[in-house]
Amino acid sequence: MQFTTQAWPQPIRDPAKRQPAHRFSAGDLRAALWVNDGTYGHVFTTVVLERRFRLPDGTWKSTRRLRGQDLEHAITLLQRALATTRDLIEGTE
């Protein structure tokens, strides 16, 4: 199973220019880990998981619907997102 990760060390606070704090991919799946500022100075994270596919005309599309064969990759990505979230939280305490 091929697994990649990409990180941006400096979060961008301008909402128009925001990027995920980390991006992960495995197989046809991609996950984006977002770091958000909550009320009272709390920081929280969200994860967006999507599957990329190509239409017969060559156009790339994405969906949040997963196939059975995607589940192993989804678990891998979610475990990586959980580990990264824990690292981020430990670094802010």
C-alpha atoms as a PDB file:
ATOM      1  CA  MET A   1       0.000   0.000   0.000  1.00  0.00           C
ATOM      2  CA  GLN A   2       1.480   3.340  -1.024  1.00  0.00           C
ATOM      3  CA  PHE A   3       0.978   6.123   1.490  1.00  0.00           C
ATOM      4  CA  THR A   4       2.007   9.762   1.200  1.00  0.00           C
ATOM      5  CA  THR A   5       1.759  12.752   3.484  1.00  0.00           C
ATOM      6  CA  GLN A   6       2.334  16.440   3.006  1.00  0.00           C
ATOM      7  CA  ALA A   7       2.469  19.092   5.728  1.00  0.00           C
ATOM      8  CA  TRP A   8       2.399  22.865   5.896  1.00  0.00           C
ATOM      9  CA  PRO A   9       4.148  24.022   9.090  1.00  0.00           C
ATOM     10  CA  GLN A  10       2.641  27.536   9.190  1.00  0.00           C
ATOM     11  CA  PRO A  11      -1.161  27.717   9.270  1.00  0.00           C
ATOM     12  CA  ILE A  12      -2.579  30.518   7.140  1.00  0.00           C
ATOM     13  CA  ARG A  13      -5.192  32.544   8.995  1.00  0.00           C
ATOM     14  CA  ASP A  14      -6.618  34.393   5.983  1.00  0.00           C
ATOM     15  CA  PRO A  15      -9.812  32.389   5.184  1.00  0.00           C
ATOM     16  CA  ALA A  16      -9.450  33.065   1.452  1.00  0.00           C
ATOM     17  CA  LYS A  17      -5.957  31.486   1.415  1.00  0.00           C
ATOM     18  CA  ARG A  18      -6.368  28.685   3.954  1.00  0.00           C
ATOM     19  CA  GLN A  19      -4.930  25.292   3.201  1.00  0.00           C
ATOM     20  CA  PRO A  20      -5.206  22.049   5.173  1.00  0.00           C
ATOM     21  CA  ALA A  21      -2.565  21.652   7.877  1.00  0.00           C
ATOM     22  CA  HIS A  22      -1.771  18.186   6.487  1.00  0.00           C
ATOM     23  CA  ARG A  23      -2.768  16.132   3.471  1.00  0.00           C
ATOM     24  CA  PHE A  24      -2.544  12.365   3.216  1.00  0.00           C
ATOM     25  CA  SER A  25      -3.234   9.985   0.348  1.00  0.00           C
ATOM     26  CA  ALA A  26      -3.484   6.236  -0.124  1.00  0.00           C
ATOM     27  CA  GLY A  27      -4.755   4.556  -3.267  1.00  0.00           C
ATOM     28  CA  ASP A  28      -7.608   6.593  -4.729  1.00  0.00           C
ATOM     29  CA  LEU A  29      -8.324   8.309  -1.395  1.00  0.00           C
ATOM     30  CA  ARG A  30      -7.193  11.657  -0.048  1.00  0.00           C
ATOM     31  CA  ALA A  31      -7.606  13.086   3.430  1.00  0.00           C
ATOM     32  CA  ALA A  32      -7.161  16.690   4.473  1.00  0.00           C
ATOM     33  CA  LEU A  33      -6.607  17.607   8.120  1.00  0.00           C
ATOM     34  CA  TRP A  34      -7.750  21.116   9.002  1.00  0.00           C
ATOM     35  CA  VAL A  35      -6.765  22.971  12.175  1.00  0.00           C
ATOM     36  CA  ASN A  36      -9.344  25.466  13.383  1.00  0.00           C
ATOM     37  CA  ASP A  37      -9.433  28.051  16.150  1.00  0.00           C
ATOM     38  CA  GLY A  38     -12.380  27.549  18.465  1.00  0.00           C
ATOM     39  CA  THR A  39     -13.831  29.774  21.113  1.00  0.00           C
ATOM     40  CA  TYR A  40     -11.821  30.596  24.225  1.00  0.00           C
ATOM     41  CA  GLY A  41      -8.529  29.780  22.510  1.00  0.00           C
ATOM     42  CA  HIS A  42      -9.241  26.079  21.967  1.00  0.00           C
ATOM     43  CA  VAL A  43      -7.905  24.465  18.824  1.00  0.00           C
ATOM     44  CA  PHE A  44      -9.801  21.668  17.097  1.00  0.00           C
ATOM     45  CA  THR A  45      -9.247  19.616  13.978  1.00  0.00           C
ATOM     46  CA  THR A  46     -11.485  18.278  11.240  1.00  0.00           C
ATOM     47  CA  VAL A  47     -10.767  15.666   8.590  1.00  0.00           C
ATOM     48  CA  VAL A  48     -12.180  15.590   5.065  1.00  0.00           C
ATOM     49  CA  LEU A  49     -11.961  12.223   3.284  1.00  0.00           C
ATOM     50  CA  GLU A  50     -12.602  11.884  -0.447  1.00  0.00           C
ATOM     51  CA  ARG A  51     -12.141   9.399  -3.271  1.00  0.00           C
ATOM     52  CA  ARG A  52     -10.848  10.621  -6.643  1.00  0.00           C
ATOM     53  CA  PHE A  53     -11.894   8.976  -9.911  1.00  0.00           C
ATOM     54  CA  ARG A  54     -11.667   9.686 -13.609  1.00  0.00           C
ATOM     55  CA  LEU A  55     -14.641   9.794 -15.970  1.00  0.00           C
ATOM     56  CA  PRO A  56     -14.416   8.146 -19.420  1.00  0.00           C
ATOM     57  CA  ASP A  57     -13.769  11.578 -20.983  1.00  0.00           C
ATOM     58  CA  GLY A  58     -10.665  12.013 -18.773  1.00  0.00           C
ATOM     59  CA  THR A  59     -12.208  14.509 -16.342  1.00  0.00           C
ATOM     60  CA  TRP A  60     -11.253  14.011 -12.671  1.00  0.00           C
ATOM     61  CA  LYS A  61     -14.017  14.040 -10.059  1.00  0.00           C
ATOM     62  CA  SER A  62     -14.201  13.416  -6.332  1.00  0.00           C
ATOM     63  CA  THR A  63     -16.800  11.892  -4.040  1.00  0.00           C
ATOM     64  CA  ARG A  64     -17.277  11.240  -0.337  1.00  0.00           C
ATOM     65  CA  ARG A  65     -18.788   7.820  -1.104  1.00  0.00           C
ATOM     66  CA  LEU A  66     -16.400   4.943  -0.558  1.00  0.00           C
ATOM     67  CA  ARG A  67     -16.378   1.490  -2.109  1.00  0.00           C
ATOM     68  CA  GLY A  68     -15.735  -1.648  -0.089  1.00  0.00           C
ATOM     69  CA  GLN A  69     -12.277  -1.875  -1.615  1.00  0.00           C
ATOM     70  CA  ASP A  70     -11.499   1.645  -0.307  1.00  0.00           C
ATOM     71  CA  LEU A  71     -12.012   0.782   3.355  1.00  0.00           C
ATOM     72  CA  GLU A  72      -8.473  -0.435   4.075  1.00  0.00           C
ATOM     73  CA  HIS A  73      -7.035   2.795   2.666  1.00  0.00           C
ATOM     74  CA  ALA A  74      -9.642   4.844   4.558  1.00  0.00           C
ATOM     75  CA  ILE A  75      -8.629   3.193   7.840  1.00  0.00           C
ATOM     76  CA  THR A  76      -4.957   3.900   7.101  1.00  0.00           C
ATOM     77  CA  LEU A  77      -5.667   7.561   6.363  1.00  0.00           C
ATOM     78  CA  LEU A  78      -7.871   8.021   9.426  1.00  0.00           C
ATOM     79  CA  GLN A  79      -5.253   6.401  11.680  1.00  0.00           C
ATOM     80  CA  ARG A  80      -2.619   8.757  10.256  1.00  0.00           C
ATOM     81  CA  ALA A  81      -4.943  11.734  10.771  1.00  0.00           C
ATOM     82  CA  LEU A  82      -5.564  10.634  14.378  1.00  0.00           C
ATOM     83  CA  ALA A  83      -1.825  10.318  15.083  1.00  0.00           C
ATOM     84  CA  THR A  84      -1.147  13.721  13.527  1.00  0.00           C
ATOM     85  CA  THR A  85      -3.999  15.292  15.507  1.00  0.00           C
ATOM     86  CA  ARG A  86      -2.576  13.869  18.736  1.00  0.00           C
ATOM     87  CA  ASP A  87       0.860  15.261  17.843  1.00  0.00           C
ATOM     88  CA  LEU A  88      -0.648  18.692  17.145  1.00  0.00           C
ATOM     89  CA  ILE A  89      -2.609  18.720  20.413  1.00  0.00           C
ATOM     90  CA  GLU A  90       0.415  17.635  22.452  1.00  0.00           C
ATOM     91  CA  GLY A  91       2.453  20.399  20.807  1.00  0.00           C
ATOM     92  CA  THR A  92      -0.062  23.077  21.834  1.00  0.00           C
ATOM     93  CA  GLU A  93      -0.465  22.081  25.490  1.00  0.00           C
END
